[in-house]
């Protein structure tokens, strides 16, 4: 007797790291995931501590993790394989370029940015990812009522991030669910082990 289609579980890919057919054309997300589920992206996924847990908890959503370091991507790849995930893809690329040029407009239900490089020296701050221009890029990438989630240990950068989103009329402040708050990144665990307090915020696109 043929097995009911509902009982057939997807087979996890051999590797979650993918290479887009083009680095100048927008991604075909339906082709990439073979479904129309909501998409969430983590920019700077680190060792995947947060991303793999979150994707495992939400099999009805799609996830893309962005990292520049191949070693980190491979670590996330192994974690995803151990969990048997079928809803995750990983890409090695610069975060701002991915968000602005590869991701289709309005594609995201959520954008996670946790512990981005704070570039603490004054002359380095121009290198920070999140500024007013970035909020415009994020607004275009997010669907209606899409949410940006932020975490950092750097109070100065946190102030800059929040100010940038608050000054953009396309965003309003949002709450972070208890379920999301309890999941930690590798950086967050390290900071808390050393007694360093972290801060978080969320901003939702305005219709």
Protein backbone atom coordinates (compact mmCIF):
# COMPACT_ATOMS: atom_id res chain seq x y z
CA UNK A 1 0.00 0.00 0.00
CA UNK A 2 1.32 3.45 -0.88
CA UNK A 3 2.23 5.62 2.06
CA UNK A 4 -0.01 8.64 2.69
CA UNK A 5 1.73 11.76 1.35
CA UNK A 6 1.17 13.48 4.68
CA UNK A 7 3.27 10.82 6.42
CA UNK A 8 6.28 11.25 4.14
CA UNK A 9 8.94 13.40 5.80
CA UNK A 10 11.26 15.53 3.66
CA UNK A 11 14.81 14.22 3.40
CA UNK A 12 17.38 16.66 4.83
CA UNK A 13 19.85 17.97 2.23
CA UNK A 14 23.45 16.71 2.26
CA UNK A 15 24.61 20.25 2.80
CA UNK A 16 22.68 23.35 3.78
CA UNK A 17 25.21 25.68 2.17
CA UNK A 18 23.99 26.83 -1.23
CA UNK A 19 25.45 28.83 -4.09
CA UNK A 20 22.94 31.05 -5.93
CA UNK A 21 22.81 30.72 -9.72
CA UNK A 22 23.48 34.46 -9.94
CA UNK A 23 24.91 37.08 -7.60
CA UNK A 24 23.17 39.93 -9.44
CA UNK A 25 19.65 38.52 -9.87
CA UNK A 26 17.09 38.13 -7.10
CA UNK A 27 16.73 34.70 -5.52
CA UNK A 28 13.85 32.47 -6.55
CA UNK A 29 12.73 31.55 -3.04
CA UNK A 30 10.02 29.13 -4.07
CA UNK A 31 12.55 27.22 -6.14
CA UNK A 32 15.07 27.32 -3.29
CA UNK A 33 12.69 25.91 -0.66
CA UNK A 34 10.01 24.24 -2.83
CA UNK A 35 7.24 25.90 -0.78
CA UNK A 36 5.71 29.31 0.03
CA UNK A 37 6.32 29.29 3.80
CA UNK A 38 7.25 32.56 5.55
CA UNK A 39 10.95 33.39 5.41
CA UNK A 40 13.22 34.53 8.24
CA UNK A 41 16.86 35.54 7.84
CA UNK A 42 19.69 35.84 10.35
CA UNK A 43 22.51 38.17 9.31
CA UNK A 44 25.77 37.07 10.91
CA UNK A 45 24.63 33.66 12.13
CA UNK A 46 27.82 32.89 14.08
CA UNK A 47 28.01 29.22 15.00
CA UNK A 48 24.27 28.77 14.42
CA UNK A 49 23.33 28.34 18.09
CA UNK A 50 20.26 30.52 17.70
CA UNK A 51 19.41 29.82 14.09
CA UNK A 52 19.33 26.01 14.24
CA UNK A 53 17.29 26.00 17.46
CA UNK A 54 14.78 28.51 16.06
CA UNK A 55 14.46 26.67 12.75
CA UNK A 56 13.95 23.39 14.60
CA UNK A 57 11.13 24.92 16.65
CA UNK A 58 9.40 26.29 13.54
CA UNK A 59 9.35 23.71 10.72
CA UNK A 60 6.52 25.67 9.07
CA UNK A 61 8.88 28.57 8.32
CA UNK A 62 11.90 28.87 6.02
CA UNK A 63 15.25 30.22 7.21
CA UNK A 64 18.41 31.57 5.61
CA UNK A 65 21.58 32.11 7.61
CA UNK A 66 24.14 34.61 6.29
CA UNK A 67 27.82 34.40 7.27
CA UNK A 68 31.07 35.60 5.73
CA UNK A 69 33.28 33.02 7.43
CA UNK A 70 33.25 29.59 5.81
CA UNK A 71 34.33 27.85 9.02
CA UNK A 72 31.25 29.15 10.81
CA UNK A 73 28.98 28.11 7.96
CA UNK A 74 30.37 24.59 8.10
CA UNK A 75 29.74 24.46 11.83
CA UNK A 76 26.11 25.52 11.30
CA UNK A 77 25.86 22.95 8.50
CA UNK A 78 26.85 20.15 10.90
CA UNK A 79 24.40 21.32 13.56
CA UNK A 80 21.54 21.50 11.04
CA UNK A 81 22.38 17.99 9.80
CA UNK A 82 22.31 16.58 13.34
CA UNK A 83 18.86 18.09 13.86
CA UNK A 84 17.61 16.81 10.50
CA UNK A 85 16.41 20.25 9.43
CA UNK A 86 14.75 20.66 6.04
CA UNK A 87 13.82 24.35 6.27
CA UNK A 88 17.26 25.98 6.41
CA UNK A 89 19.70 27.32 3.82
CA UNK A 90 23.11 28.90 4.42
CA UNK A 91 24.92 31.43 2.26
CA UNK A 92 28.42 32.91 2.43
CA UNK A 93 28.04 36.55 1.44
CA UNK A 94 28.22 40.09 2.80
CA UNK A 95 25.06 40.83 4.78
CA UNK A 96 24.19 44.23 3.31
CA UNK A 97 24.62 43.02 -0.26
CA UNK A 98 22.42 39.99 0.34
CA UNK A 99 19.64 42.07 1.85
CA UNK A 100 19.76 44.81 -0.75
CA UNK A 101 20.45 42.92 -3.97
CA UNK A 102 19.71 39.18 -3.72
CA UNK A 103 16.61 39.07 -1.56
CA UNK A 104 13.30 39.84 -3.34
CA UNK A 105 11.43 42.88 -2.05
CA UNK A 106 8.87 42.09 0.65
CA UNK A 107 10.18 38.55 1.08
CA UNK A 108 10.89 38.54 4.81
CA UNK A 109 8.59 37.99 7.75
CA UNK A 110 11.49 38.48 10.19
CA UNK A 111 15.09 39.67 10.17
CA UNK A 112 17.41 38.68 13.04
CA UNK A 113 20.58 40.71 13.68
CA UNK A 114 22.36 39.61 16.82
CA UNK A 115 25.66 41.02 18.05
CA UNK A 116 26.84 42.68 14.84
CA UNK A 117 30.41 43.96 14.90
CA UNK A 118 30.23 47.18 17.00
CA UNK A 119 33.36 48.78 15.52
CA UNK A 120 33.84 50.59 18.86
CA UNK A 121 36.52 53.10 17.85
CA UNK A 122 35.10 56.42 16.70
CA UNK A 123 36.92 56.37 13.36
CA UNK A 124 35.60 52.84 12.69
CA UNK A 125 31.91 53.56 13.27
CA UNK A 126 31.33 54.26 9.60
CA UNK A 127 31.78 50.49 9.11
CA UNK A 128 28.79 49.58 11.28
CA UNK A 129 26.08 47.64 9.48
CA UNK A 130 23.06 49.39 10.92
CA UNK A 131 22.44 53.04 10.14
CA UNK A 132 19.57 55.05 8.63
CA UNK A 133 20.33 53.79 5.11
CA UNK A 134 20.23 50.21 6.36
CA UNK A 135 16.73 50.71 7.80
CA UNK A 136 15.49 51.63 4.32
CA UNK A 137 17.03 48.47 2.88
CA UNK A 138 15.43 46.41 5.65
CA UNK A 139 12.03 48.03 5.09
CA UNK A 140 12.11 47.05 1.42
CA UNK A 141 13.09 43.46 2.22
CA UNK A 142 10.40 42.96 4.86
CA UNK A 143 6.79 42.04 4.19
CA UNK A 144 3.94 44.03 5.75
CA UNK A 145 4.18 43.74 9.55
CA UNK A 146 7.63 42.16 9.20
CA UNK A 147 9.89 42.48 12.23
CA UNK A 148 13.58 43.27 12.76
CA UNK A 149 15.02 41.76 15.95
CA UNK A 150 18.21 43.27 17.42
CA UNK A 151 20.59 42.22 20.21
CA UNK A 152 23.98 43.54 21.28
CA UNK A 153 26.27 44.01 24.25
CA UNK A 154 27.47 47.43 23.02
CA UNK A 155 25.34 50.22 24.52
CA UNK A 156 26.61 52.89 22.14
CA UNK A 157 25.79 50.80 19.07
CA UNK A 158 22.44 49.84 20.58
CA UNK A 159 21.56 53.50 20.90
CA UNK A 160 22.54 54.11 17.28
CA UNK A 161 20.53 51.12 16.02
CA UNK A 162 17.40 52.08 17.92
CA UNK A 163 17.66 55.72 16.88
CA UNK A 164 17.99 54.74 13.21
CA UNK A 165 14.84 52.61 13.29
CA UNK A 166 12.86 55.09 15.41
CA UNK A 167 13.66 57.90 12.98
CA UNK A 168 12.37 55.88 10.05
CA UNK A 169 8.57 56.37 9.78
CA UNK A 170 8.29 52.96 8.09
CA UNK A 171 8.93 51.27 11.47
CA UNK A 172 7.34 51.17 14.90
CA UNK A 173 8.63 49.48 18.05
CA UNK A 174 7.54 45.90 18.68
CA UNK A 175 7.72 43.34 21.48
CA UNK A 176 9.97 40.29 21.58
CA UNK A 177 8.20 37.06 22.50
CA UNK A 178 9.31 35.08 25.55
CA UNK A 179 9.99 32.11 23.25
CA UNK A 180 12.42 34.16 21.19
CA UNK A 181 14.07 35.83 24.17
CA UNK A 182 15.10 32.57 25.80
CA UNK A 183 17.14 31.37 22.80
CA UNK A 184 20.73 32.55 22.99
CA UNK A 185 23.50 32.97 20.45
CA UNK A 186 27.05 31.78 21.06
CA UNK A 187 28.15 35.37 21.65
CA UNK A 188 25.35 35.94 24.14
CA UNK A 189 26.27 32.92 26.22
CA UNK A 190 29.87 34.14 26.33
CA UNK A 191 28.91 37.64 27.40
CA UNK A 192 26.56 36.45 30.11
CA UNK A 193 29.17 34.01 31.44
CA UNK A 194 31.44 37.04 31.95
CA UNK A 195 28.67 39.07 33.59
CA UNK A 196 28.19 41.38 30.61
CA UNK A 197 24.60 42.50 30.17
CA UNK A 198 23.06 42.34 26.71
CA UNK A 199 20.20 44.45 25.35
CA UNK A 200 17.56 43.80 22.71
CA UNK A 201 14.87 45.58 20.71
CA UNK A 202 12.44 44.90 17.88
CA UNK A 203 10.88 47.08 15.17
CA UNK A 204 7.91 46.25 12.95
CA UNK A 205 7.15 47.64 9.52
CA UNK A 206 4.19 50.00 9.42
CA UNK A 207 1.46 49.35 6.83
